């Protein structure tokens, strides 16, 4: 927590929360950037399943590259990161998922990405 929290909400606010046993709940945690979304208790399962299906049906190989870029970004300077990002974009564009994305866009249809995942829960 002492490594990640200052990077997310800033050093001053993180120090205050940690040293005073502060709590960020709900809307405040969302505004601080600790959450990407806030869901009512009764909607948690449905929302989690919807997000899982959306991610599984998307270009998973591209998502993996995006995740790696974002994880590695703090350790790189901007020039190095931009070079790495350009390489990732080129690799994604040349992939089967990239081609499917372009084809779907030009044909004005929803893409069907060539992923290796289990069938959808609602299929």
Foldseek 3Di string as FASTA:
>chain_A
DQVPPCVQQNDVVVCVCVVVVHDQDDPRCVVSRVDVDGDDPVCVVVVVLVVVVVCQQAQVVLVVLVVVLVVCVVVDDPVVSVVSVVVSVVVCCPDQRNVQVVVCVVVVHDGGGPGPDDDRPVD
